[in-house]
Amino acid sequence: FLGLFLGTGIVLTLQGVEFAFYQLPASIAIIPAILVAIYLGKDSIN
């Protein structure tokens, strides 16, 4: 999550993109992290 959210914002800031940290909303960046957590879990999906 932090890699996607902060990394994207930092890279876009260096590229001169305005409102760089708004290009990938945190509410979207956290979705892959949730999927990774579910993948790592040993319990059933339900």
All heavy atoms as atom14 arrays in JSON, in Angstrom:
{
  "sequence": "FLGLFLGTGIVLTLQGVEFAFYQLPASIAIIPAILVAIYLGKDSIN",
  "atom14_mask": [
    [1, 1, 1, 1, 1, 1, 1, 1, 1, 1, 1, 0, 0, 0],
    [1, 1, 1, 1, 1, 1, 1, 1, 0, 0, 0, 0, 0, 0],
    [1, 1, 1, 1, 0, 0, 0, 0, 0, 0, 0, 0, 0, 0],
    [1, 1, 1, 1, 1, 1, 1, 1, 0, 0, 0, 0, 0, 0],
    [1, 1, 1, 1, 1, 1, 1, 1, 1, 1, 1, 0, 0, 0],
    [1, 1, 1, 1, 1, 1, 1, 1, 0, 0, 0, 0, 0, 0],
    [1, 1, 1, 1, 0, 0, 0, 0, 0, 0, 0, 0, 0, 0],
    [1, 1, 1, 1, 1, 1, 1, 0, 0, 0, 0, 0, 0, 0],
    [1, 1, 1, 1, 0, 0, 0, 0, 0, 0, 0, 0, 0, 0],
    [1, 1, 1, 1, 1, 1, 1, 1, 0, 0, 0, 0, 0, 0],
    [1, 1, 1, 1, 1, 1, 1, 0, 0, 0, 0, 0, 0, 0],
    [1, 1, 1, 1, 1, 1, 1, 1, 0, 0, 0, 0, 0, 0],
    [1, 1, 1, 1, 1, 1, 1, 0, 0, 0, 0, 0, 0, 0],
    [1, 1, 1, 1, 1, 1, 1, 1, 0, 0, 0, 0, 0, 0],
    [1, 1, 1, 1, 1, 1, 1, 1, 1, 0, 0, 0, 0, 0],
    [1, 1, 1, 1, 0, 0, 0, 0, 0, 0, 0, 0, 0, 0],
    [1, 1, 1, 1, 1, 1, 1, 0, 0, 0, 0, 0, 0, 0],
    [1, 1, 1, 1, 1, 1, 1, 1, 1, 0, 0, 0, 0, 0],
    [1, 1, 1, 1, 1, 1, 1, 1, 1, 1, 1, 0, 0, 0],
    [1, 1, 1, 1, 1, 0, 0, 0, 0, 0, 0, 0, 0, 0],
    [1, 1, 1, 1, 1, 1, 1, 1, 1, 1, 1, 0, 0, 0],
    [1, 1, 1, 1, 1, 1, 1, 1, 1, 1, 1, 1, 0, 0],
    [1, 1, 1, 1, 1, 1, 1, 1, 1, 0, 0, 0, 0, 0],
    [1, 1, 1, 1, 1, 1, 1, 1, 0, 0, 0, 0, 0, 0],
    [1, 1, 1, 1, 1, 1, 1, 0, 0, 0, 0, 0, 0, 0],
    [1, 1, 1, 1, 1, 0, 0, 0, 0, 0, 0, 0, 0, 0],
    [1, 1, 1, 1, 1, 1, 0, 0, 0, 0, 0, 0, 0, 0],
    [1, 1, 1, 1, 1, 1, 1, 1, 0, 0, 0, 0, 0, 0],
    [1, 1, 1, 1, 1, 0, 0, 0, 0, 0, 0, 0, 0, 0],
    [1, 1, 1, 1, 1, 1, 1, 1, 0, 0, 0, 0, 0, 0],
    [1, 1, 1, 1, 1, 1, 1, 1, 0, 0, 0, 0, 0, 0],
    [1, 1, 1, 1, 1, 1, 1, 0, 0, 0, 0, 0, 0, 0],
    [1, 1, 1, 1, 1, 0, 0, 0, 0, 0, 0, 0, 0, 0],
    [1, 1, 1, 1, 1, 1, 1, 1, 0, 0, 0, 0, 0, 0],
    [1, 1, 1, 1, 1, 1, 1, 1, 0, 0, 0, 0, 0, 0],
    [1, 1, 1, 1, 1, 1, 1, 0, 0, 0, 0, 0, 0, 0],
    [1, 1, 1, 1, 1, 0, 0, 0, 0, 0, 0, 0, 0, 0],
    [1, 1, 1, 1, 1, 1, 1, 1, 0, 0, 0, 0, 0, 0],
    [1, 1, 1, 1, 1, 1, 1, 1, 1, 1, 1, 1, 0, 0],
    [1, 1, 1, 1, 1, 1, 1, 1, 0, 0, 0, 0, 0, 0],
    [1, 1, 1, 1, 0, 0, 0, 0, 0, 0, 0, 0, 0, 0],
    [1, 1, 1, 1, 1, 1, 1, 1, 1, 0, 0, 0, 0, 0],
    [1, 1, 1, 1, 1, 1, 1, 1, 0, 0, 0, 0, 0, 0],
    [1, 1, 1, 1, 1, 1, 0, 0, 0, 0, 0, 0, 0, 0],
    [1, 1, 1, 1, 1, 1, 1, 1, 0, 0, 0, 0, 0, 0],
    [1, 1, 1, 1, 1, 1, 1, 1, 0, 0, 0, 0, 0, 0]
  ],
  "atom14_positions": [
    [[0.83, -1.22, 0.0], [0.0, 0.0, 0.0], [0.86, 1.26, 0.0], [0.66, 2.17, -0.82], [-0.92, -0.02, 1.22], [-1.58, 1.31, 1.51], [-2.33, 1.96, 0.55], [-1.45, 1.9, 2.77], [-2.94, 3.19, 0.82], [-2.06, 3.11, 3.04], [-2.79, 3.75, 2.06], [0.0, 0.0, 0.0], [0.0, 0.0, 0.0], [0.0, 0.0, 0.0]],
    [[1.81, 1.32, 0.92], [2.67, 2.51, 1.0], [3.5, 2.68, -0.25], [3.72, 3.8, -0.73], [3.57, 2.41, 2.24], [2.86, 2.47, 3.6], [3.85, 2.29, 4.72], [2.14, 3.8, 3.75], [0.0, 0.0, 0.0], [0.0, 0.0, 0.0], [0.0, 0.0, 0.0], [0.0, 0.0, 0.0], [0.0, 0.0, 0.0], [0.0, 0.0, 0.0]],
    [[3.99, 1.56, -0.79], [4.79, 1.63, -2.0], [4.01, 2.21, -3.17], [4.51, 3.06, -3.92], [0.0, 0.0, 0.0], [0.0, 0.0, 0.0], [0.0, 0.0, 0.0], [0.0, 0.0, 0.0], [0.0, 0.0, 0.0], [0.0, 0.0, 0.0], [0.0, 0.0, 0.0], [0.0, 0.0, 0.0], [0.0, 0.0, 0.0], [0.0, 0.0, 0.0]],
    [[2.77, 1.76, -3.32], [1.94, 2.25, -4.42], [1.52, 3.71, -4.21], [1.67, 4.55, -5.11], [0.68, 1.39, -4.54], [0.87, -0.01, -5.15], [-0.42, -0.81, -5.04], [1.29, 0.1, -6.61], [0.0, 0.0, 0.0], [0.0, 0.0, 0.0], [0.0, 0.0, 0.0], [0.0, 0.0, 0.0], [0.0, 0.0, 0.0], [0.0, 0.0, 0.0]],
    [[1.03, 4.01, -3.01], [0.5, 5.35, -2.75], [1.6, 6.41, -2.72], [1.56, 7.4, -3.47], [-0.27, 5.35, -1.42], [-0.81, 6.7, -1.03], [-1.64, 7.4, -1.87], [-0.48, 7.26, 0.2], [-2.14, 8.64, -1.51], [-0.97, 8.49, 0.57], [-1.82, 9.19, -0.29], [0.0, 0.0, 0.0], [0.0, 0.0, 0.0], [0.0, 0.0, 0.0]],
    [[2.59, 6.18, -1.86], [3.67, 7.16, -1.74], [4.56, 7.15, -2.98], [4.99, 8.2, -3.47], [4.5, 6.88, -0.48], [3.74, 6.96, 0.85], [4.7, 6.71, 2.01], [3.07, 8.31, 1.01], [0.0, 0.0, 0.0], [0.0, 0.0, 0.0], [0.0, 0.0, 0.0], [0.0, 0.0, 0.0], [0.0, 0.0, 0.0], [0.0, 0.0, 0.0]],
    [[4.87, 5.94, -3.48], [5.75, 5.84, -4.64], [5.19, 6.54, -5.85], [5.9, 7.3, -6.54], [0.0, 0.0, 0.0], [0.0, 0.0, 0.0], [0.0, 0.0, 0.0], [0.0, 0.0, 0.0], [0.0, 0.0, 0.0], [0.0, 0.0, 0.0], [0.0, 0.0, 0.0], [0.0, 0.0, 0.0], [0.0, 0.0, 0.0], [0.0, 0.0, 0.0]],
    [[3.91, 6.33, -6.14], [3.29, 6.98, -7.28], [3.3, 8.5, -7.12], [3.63, 9.24, -8.07], [1.82, 6.5, -7.45], [1.82, 5.09, -7.65], [1.17, 7.19, -8.64], [0.0, 0.0, 0.0], [0.0, 0.0, 0.0], [0.0, 0.0, 0.0], [0.0, 0.0, 0.0], [0.0, 0.0, 0.0], [0.0, 0.0, 0.0], [0.0, 0.0, 0.0]],
    [[2.95, 8.97, -5.93], [2.95, 10.41, -5.69], [4.32, 11.04, -5.84], [4.48, 12.11, -6.44], [0.0, 0.0, 0.0], [0.0, 0.0, 0.0], [0.0, 0.0, 0.0], [0.0, 0.0, 0.0], [0.0, 0.0, 0.0], [0.0, 0.0, 0.0], [0.0, 0.0, 0.0], [0.0, 0.0, 0.0], [0.0, 0.0, 0.0], [0.0, 0.0, 0.0]],
    [[5.35, 10.37, -5.33], [6.71, 10.9, -5.41], [7.19, 10.94, -6.85], [7.76, 11.95, -7.32], [7.67, 10.05, -4.55], [7.35, 10.25, -3.06], [9.13, 10.44, -4.82], [8.08, 9.3, -2.14], [0.0, 0.0, 0.0], [0.0, 0.0, 0.0], [0.0, 0.0, 0.0], [0.0, 0.0, 0.0], [0.0, 0.0, 0.0], [0.0, 0.0, 0.0]],
    [[6.96, 9.84, -7.58], [7.4, 9.79, -8.98], [6.71, 10.87, -9.82], [7.35, 11.58, -10.6], [7.12, 8.39, -9.58], [7.33, 8.4, -11.09], [8.03, 7.35, -8.94], [0.0, 0.0, 0.0], [0.0, 0.0, 0.0], [0.0, 0.0, 0.0], [0.0, 0.0, 0.0], [0.0, 0.0, 0.0], [0.0, 0.0, 0.0], [0.0, 0.0, 0.0]],
    [[5.41, 11.01, -9.65], [4.68, 12.01, -10.42], [5.07, 13.43, -10.03], [5.08, 14.34, -10.86], [3.17, 11.82, -10.24], [2.6, 10.52, -10.84], [1.1, 10.42, -10.56], [2.87, 10.44, -12.33], [0.0, 0.0, 0.0], [0.0, 0.0, 0.0], [0.0, 0.0, 0.0], [0.0, 0.0, 0.0], [0.0, 0.0, 0.0], [0.0, 0.0, 0.0]],
    [[5.39, 13.63, -8.74], [5.87, 14.94, -8.3], [7.18, 15.3, -8.99], [7.37, 16.43, -9.46], [6.07, 14.96, -6.77], [4.82, 14.72, -6.12], [6.62, 16.31, -6.31], [0.0, 0.0, 0.0], [0.0, 0.0, 0.0], [0.0, 0.0, 0.0], [0.0, 0.0, 0.0], [0.0, 0.0, 0.0], [0.0, 0.0, 0.0], [0.0, 0.0, 0.0]],
    [[8.08, 14.34, -9.06], [9.37, 14.56, -9.74], [9.18, 14.84, -11.22], [10.0, 15.52, -11.85], [10.28, 13.35, -9.53], [10.74, 13.08, -8.09], [11.55, 11.8, -8.01], [11.56, 14.25, -7.56], [0.0, 0.0, 0.0], [0.0, 0.0, 0.0], [0.0, 0.0, 0.0], [0.0, 0.0, 0.0], [0.0, 0.0, 0.0], [0.0, 0.0, 0.0]],
    [[8.09, 14.32, -11.79], [7.8, 14.54, -13.2], [7.07, 15.86, -13.44], [6.78, 16.21, -14.58], [6.97, 13.38, -13.75], [7.72, 12.06, -13.8], [6.84, 10.91, -14.28], [5.62, 11.05, -14.41], [7.47, 9.76, -14.54], [0.0, 0.0, 0.0], [0.0, 0.0, 0.0], [0.0, 0.0, 0.0], [0.0, 0.0, 0.0], [0.0, 0.0, 0.0]],
    [[6.77, 16.56, -12.36], [6.11, 17.85, -12.47], [4.61, 17.8, -12.64], [3.98, 18.78, -13.04], [0.0, 0.0, 0.0], [0.0, 0.0, 0.0], [0.0, 0.0, 0.0], [0.0, 0.0, 0.0], [0.0, 0.0, 0.0], [0.0, 0.0, 0.0], [0.0, 0.0, 0.0], [0.0, 0.0, 0.0], [0.0, 0.0, 0.0], [0.0, 0.0, 0.0]],
    [[4.0, 16.66, -12.31], [2.55, 16.52, -12.43], [1.87, 17.27, -11.28], [2.26, 17.12, -10.12], [2.13, 15.03, -12.41], [0.62, 14.9, -12.45], [2.78, 14.29, -13.58], [0.0, 0.0, 0.0], [0.0, 0.0, 0.0], [0.0, 0.0, 0.0], [0.0, 0.0, 0.0], [0.0, 0.0, 0.0], [0.0, 0.0, 0.0], [0.0, 0.0, 0.0]],
    [[0.86, 18.08, -11.61], [0.13, 18.8, -10.58], [-0.76, 17.84, -9.78], [-1.3, 16.88, -10.34], [-0.72, 19.9, -11.2], [0.1, 21.04, -11.82], [-0.79, 22.16, -12.3], [-2.03, 22.01, -12.22], [-0.25, 23.19, -12.76], [0.0, 0.0, 0.0], [0.0, 0.0, 0.0], [0.0, 0.0, 0.0], [0.0, 0.0, 0.0], [0.0, 0.0, 0.0]],
    [[-0.88, 18.14, -8.5], [-1.69, 17.3, -7.6], [-1.3, 15.83, -7.74], [-2.15, 14.95, -7.91], [-3.18, 17.48, -7.88], [-3.66, 18.9, -7.77], [-3.94, 19.64, -8.91], [-3.81, 19.49, -6.53], [-4.37, 20.95, -8.8], [-4.24, 20.81, -6.42], [-4.52, 21.55, -7.56], [0.0, 0.0, 0.0], [0.0, 0.0, 0.0], [0.0, 0.0, 0.0]],
    [[0.01, 15.6, -7.65], [0.56, 14.27, -7.92], [-0.04, 13.2, -7.01], [-0.32, 12.07, -7.46], [2.08, 14.29, -7.77], [0.0, 0.0, 0.0], [0.0, 0.0, 0.0], [0.0, 0.0, 0.0], [0.0, 0.0, 0.0], [0.0, 0.0, 0.0], [0.0, 0.0, 0.0], [0.0, 0.0, 0.0], [0.0, 0.0, 0.0], [0.0, 0.0, 0.0]],
    [[-0.25, 13.52, -5.76], [-0.74, 12.52, -4.82], [-2.25, 12.26, -4.96], [-2.79, 11.41, -4.27], [-0.41, 12.92, -3.38], [1.04, 12.7, -3.03], [1.96, 13.72, -3.19], [1.47, 11.48, -2.56], [3.3, 13.52, -2.88], [2.81, 11.27, -2.24], [3.72, 12.29, -2.4], [0.0, 0.0, 0.0], [0.0, 0.0, 0.0], [0.0, 0.0, 0.0]],
    [[-2.9, 13.01, -5.85], [-4.31, 12.76, -6.11], [-4.52, 11.88, -7.33], [-5.64, 11.46, -7.61], [-5.05, 14.09, -6.32], [-5.36, 14.81, -5.04], [-4.53, 15.84, -4.58], [-6.46, 14.49, -4.27], [-4.8, 16.51, -3.4], [-6.75, 15.15, -3.09], [-5.92, 16.17, -2.66], [-6.18, 16.83, -1.48], [0.0, 0.0, 0.0], [0.0, 0.0, 0.0]],
    [[-3.45, 11.61, -8.08], [-3.58, 10.82, -9.31], [-3.93, 9.36, -9.01], [-4.63, 8.72, -9.78], [-2.3, 10.91, -10.13], [-1.89, 12.33, -10.5], [-3.0, 13.09, -11.19], [-3.6, 12.62, -12.14], [-3.29, 14.3, -10.69], [0.0, 0.0, 0.0], [0.0, 0.0, 0.0], [0.0, 0.0, 0.0], [0.0, 0.0, 0.0], [0.0, 0.0, 0.0]],
    [[-3.41, 8.84, -7.91], [-3.77, 7.5, -7.45], [-4.33, 7.64, -6.05], [-3.58, 7.67, -5.07], [-2.56, 6.56, -7.45], [-2.84, 5.13, -6.94], [-3.84, 4.42, -7.84], [-1.54, 4.33, -6.85], [0.0, 0.0, 0.0], [0.0, 0.0, 0.0], [0.0, 0.0, 0.0], [0.0, 0.0, 0.0], [0.0, 0.0, 0.0], [0.0, 0.0, 0.0]],
    [[-5.65, 7.73, -5.92], [-6.25, 7.9, -4.58], [-5.85, 6.76, -3.65], [-5.72, 5.61, -4.07], [-7.76, 7.87, -4.87], [-7.88, 8.25, -6.31], [-6.67, 7.69, -6.97], [0.0, 0.0, 0.0], [0.0, 0.0, 0.0], [0.0, 0.0, 0.0], [0.0, 0.0, 0.0], [0.0, 0.0, 0.0], [0.0, 0.0, 0.0], [0.0, 0.0, 0.0]],
    [[-5.66, 7.1, -2.38], [-5.27, 6.08, -1.39], [-6.32, 4.98, -1.29], [-5.99, 3.82, -1.04], [-5.05, 6.74, -0.03], [0.0, 0.0, 0.0], [0.0, 0.0, 0.0], [0.0, 0.0, 0.0], [0.0, 0.0, 0.0], [0.0, 0.0, 0.0], [0.0, 0.0, 0.0], [0.0, 0.0, 0.0], [0.0, 0.0, 0.0], [0.0, 0.0, 0.0]],
    [[-7.59, 5.34, -1.5], [-8.66, 4.35, -1.4], [-8.58, 3.31, -2.52], [-9.15, 2.22, -2.41], [-10.03, 5.05, -1.44], [-10.17, 5.84, -2.61], [0.0, 0.0, 0.0], [0.0, 0.0, 0.0], [0.0, 0.0, 0.0], [0.0, 0.0, 0.0], [0.0, 0.0, 0.0], [0.0, 0.0, 0.0], [0.0, 0.0, 0.0], [0.0, 0.0, 0.0]],
    [[-7.88, 3.64, -3.6], [-7.65, 2.69, -4.7], [-6.33, 1.95, -4.48], [-6.23, 0.74, -4.7], [-7.64, 3.4, -6.06], [-8.96, 4.13, -6.29], [-7.36, 2.42, -7.18], [-10.18, 3.23, -6.3], [0.0, 0.0, 0.0], [0.0, 0.0, 0.0], [0.0, 0.0, 0.0], [0.0, 0.0, 0.0], [0.0, 0.0, 0.0], [0.0, 0.0, 0.0]],
    [[-5.31, 2.68, -4.01], [-3.99, 2.07, -3.81], [-4.03, 0.95, -2.77], [-3.19, 0.05, -2.81], [-2.99, 3.16, -3.39], [0.0, 0.0, 0.0], [0.0, 0.0, 0.0], [0.0, 0.0, 0.0], [0.0, 0.0, 0.0], [0.0, 0.0, 0.0], [0.0, 0.0, 0.0], [0.0, 0.0, 0.0], [0.0, 0.0, 0.0], [0.0, 0.0, 0.0]],
    [[-4.97, 1.01, -1.86], [-5.01, 0.0, -0.79], [-5.66, -1.31, -1.26], [-5.48, -2.35, -0.62], [-5.75, 0.55, 0.45], [-5.4, -0.27, 1.69], [-7.25, 0.58, 0.21], [-5.95, 0.31, 2.98], [0.0, 0.0, 0.0], [0.0, 0.0, 0.0], [0.0, 0.0, 0.0], [0.0, 0.0, 0.0], [0.0, 0.0, 0.0], [0.0, 0.0, 0.0]],
    [[-6.37, -1.28, -2.38], [-7.05, -2.49, -2.85], [-6.07, -3.62, -3.16], [-6.28, -4.77, -2.73], [-7.96, -2.17, -4.05], [-9.12, -1.27, -3.61], [-8.51, -3.46, -4.68], [-10.02, -0.81, -4.73], [0.0, 0.0, 0.0], [0.0, 0.0, 0.0], [0.0, 0.0, 0.0], [0.0, 0.0, 0.0], [0.0, 0.0, 0.0], [0.0, 0.0, 0.0]],
    [[-4.96, -3.38, -3.91], [-3.99, -4.46, -4.13], [-3.42, -5.0, -2.82], [-3.14, -6.2, -2.71], [-2.9, -3.79, -4.98], [-3.59, -2.67, -5.66], [-4.59, -2.16, -4.67], [0.0, 0.0, 0.0], [0.0, 0.0, 0.0], [0.0, 0.0, 0.0], [0.0, 0.0, 0.0], [0.0, 0.0, 0.0], [0.0, 0.0, 0.0], [0.0, 0.0, 0.0]],
    [[-3.25, -4.12, -1.83], [-2.73, -4.56, -0.53], [-3.69, -5.52, 0.14], [-3.28, -6.52, 0.76], [-2.47, -3.35, 0.37], [0.0, 0.0, 0.0], [0.0, 0.0, 0.0], [0.0, 0.0, 0.0], [0.0, 0.0, 0.0], [0.0, 0.0, 0.0], [0.0, 0.0, 0.0], [0.0, 0.0, 0.0], [0.0, 0.0, 0.0], [0.0, 0.0, 0.0]],
    [[-4.98, -5.24, 0.03], [-5.99, -6.14, 0.61], [-5.95, -7.5, -0.08], [-6.02, -8.55, 0.57], [-7.39, -5.51, 0.49], [-7.48, -4.24, 1.34], [-8.47, -6.51, 0.92], [-8.73, -3.43, 1.12], [0.0, 0.0, 0.0], [0.0, 0.0, 0.0], [0.0, 0.0, 0.0], [0.0, 0.0, 0.0], [0.0, 0.0, 0.0], [0.0, 0.0, 0.0]],
    [[-5.8, -7.5, -1.4], [-5.73, -8.74, -2.15], [-4.49, -9.55, -1.76], [-4.55, -10.78, -1.64], [-5.71, -8.45, -3.66], [-6.99, -7.78, -4.21], [-6.82, -7.48, -5.7], [-8.2, -8.66, -3.96], [0.0, 0.0, 0.0], [0.0, 0.0, 0.0], [0.0, 0.0, 0.0], [0.0, 0.0, 0.0], [0.0, 0.0, 0.0], [0.0, 0.0, 0.0]],
    [[-3.36, -8.85, -1.53], [-2.14, -9.53, -1.09], [-2.35, -10.16, 0.28], [-1.93, -11.29, 0.55], [-0.94, -8.55, -1.05], [0.27, -9.19, -0.38], [-0.57, -8.11, -2.47], [0.0, 0.0, 0.0], [0.0, 0.0, 0.0], [0.0, 0.0, 0.0], [0.0, 0.0, 0.0], [0.0, 0.0, 0.0], [0.0, 0.0, 0.0], [0.0, 0.0, 0.0]],
    [[-3.02, -9.43, 1.17], [-3.3, -9.96, 2.52], [-4.16, -11.22, 2.45], [-3.91, -12.19, 3.17], [-3.98, -8.89, 3.37], [0.0, 0.0, 0.0], [0.0, 0.0, 0.0], [0.0, 0.0, 0.0], [0.0, 0.0, 0.0], [0.0, 0.0, 0.0], [0.0, 0.0, 0.0], [0.0, 0.0, 0.0], [0.0, 0.0, 0.0], [0.0, 0.0, 0.0]],
    [[-5.15, -11.2, 1.6], [-6.01, -12.37, 1.45], [-5.22, -13.54, 0.86], [-5.39, -14.7, 1.28], [-7.23, -12.03, 0.57], [-8.14, -11.04, 1.31], [-8.01, -13.29, 0.2], [-9.31, -10.54, 0.49], [0.0, 0.0, 0.0], [0.0, 0.0, 0.0], [0.0, 0.0, 0.0], [0.0, 0.0, 0.0], [0.0, 0.0, 0.0], [0.0, 0.0, 0.0]],
    [[-4.35, -13.26, -0.08], [-3.51, -14.3, -0.69], [-2.59, -14.94, 0.36], [-2.38, -16.17, 0.36], [-2.68, -13.71, -1.82], [-1.66, -14.66, -2.4], [-2.05, -15.67, -3.28], [-0.31, -14.56, -2.06], [-1.12, -16.56, -3.81], [0.62, -15.44, -2.57], [0.21, -16.43, -3.45], [1.14, -17.31, -3.95], [0.0, 0.0, 0.0], [0.0, 0.0, 0.0]],
    [[-2.06, -14.12, 1.27], [-1.13, -14.62, 2.29], [-1.86, -15.4, 3.39], [-1.25, -16.2, 4.09], [-0.35, -13.46, 2.92], [0.64, -12.73, 2.01], [1.24, -11.53, 2.74], [1.75, -13.67, 1.56], [0.0, 0.0, 0.0], [0.0, 0.0, 0.0], [0.0, 0.0, 0.0], [0.0, 0.0, 0.0], [0.0, 0.0, 0.0], [0.0, 0.0, 0.0]],
    [[-3.14, -15.14, 3.55], [-3.89, -15.78, 4.62], [-4.11, -17.27, 4.38], [-4.18, -17.73, 3.23], [0.0, 0.0, 0.0], [0.0, 0.0, 0.0], [0.0, 0.0, 0.0], [0.0, 0.0, 0.0], [0.0, 0.0, 0.0], [0.0, 0.0, 0.0], [0.0, 0.0, 0.0], [0.0, 0.0, 0.0], [0.0, 0.0, 0.0], [0.0, 0.0, 0.0]],
    [[-4.24, -18.01, 5.46], [-4.44, -19.46, 5.39], [-5.9, -19.86, 5.55], [-6.27, -21.0, 5.26], [-3.6, -20.15, 6.48], [-2.1, -19.86, 6.38], [-1.53, -20.29, 5.03], [-0.03, -20.02, 4.97], [0.52, -20.36, 3.63], [0.0, 0.0, 0.0], [0.0, 0.0, 0.0], [0.0, 0.0, 0.0], [0.0, 0.0, 0.0], [0.0, 0.0, 0.0]],
    [[-6.73, -18.96, 6.01], [-8.14, -19.27, 6.18], [-8.85, -19.26, 4.83], [-8.31, -18.78, 3.82], [-8.81, -18.25, 7.12], [-8.29, -18.35, 8.53], [-7.82, -19.44, 8.91], [-8.32, -17.33, 9.25], [0.0, 0.0, 0.0], [0.0, 0.0, 0.0], [0.0, 0.0, 0.0], [0.0, 0.0, 0.0], [0.0, 0.0, 0.0], [0.0, 0.0, 0.0]],
    [[-10.06, -19.76, 4.81], [-10.85, -19.76, 3.57], [-11.19, -18.33, 3.18], [-11.14, -17.4, 4.0], [-12.13, -20.56, 3.77], [-13.0, -19.89, 4.68], [0.0, 0.0, 0.0], [0.0, 0.0, 0.0], [0.0, 0.0, 0.0], [0.0, 0.0, 0.0], [0.0, 0.0, 0.0], [0.0, 0.0, 0.0], [0.0, 0.0, 0.0], [0.0, 0.0, 0.0]],
    [[-11.54, -18.14, 1.92], [-11.89, -16.81, 1.43], [-13.07, -16.25, 2.23], [-13.07, -15.08, 2.62], [-12.24, -16.86, -0.07], [-11.02, -17.28, -0.9], [-12.76, -15.49, -0.53], [-9.89, -16.29, -0.84], [0.0, 0.0, 0.0], [0.0, 0.0, 0.0], [0.0, 0.0, 0.0], [0.0, 0.0, 0.0], [0.0, 0.0, 0.0], [0.0, 0.0, 0.0]],
    [[-14.06, -17.09, 2.48], [-15.23, -16.63, 3.24], [-14.85, -16.15, 4.63], [-15.35, -15.13, 5.12], [-16.27, -17.75, 3.33], [-16.96, -18.02, 2.01], [-16.98, -17.15, 1.13], [-17.55, -19.2, 1.87], [0.0, 0.0, 0.0], [0.0, 0.0, 0.0], [0.0, 0.0, 0.0], [0.0, 0.0, 0.0], [0.0, 0.0, 0.0], [0.0, 0.0, 0.0]]
  ]
}
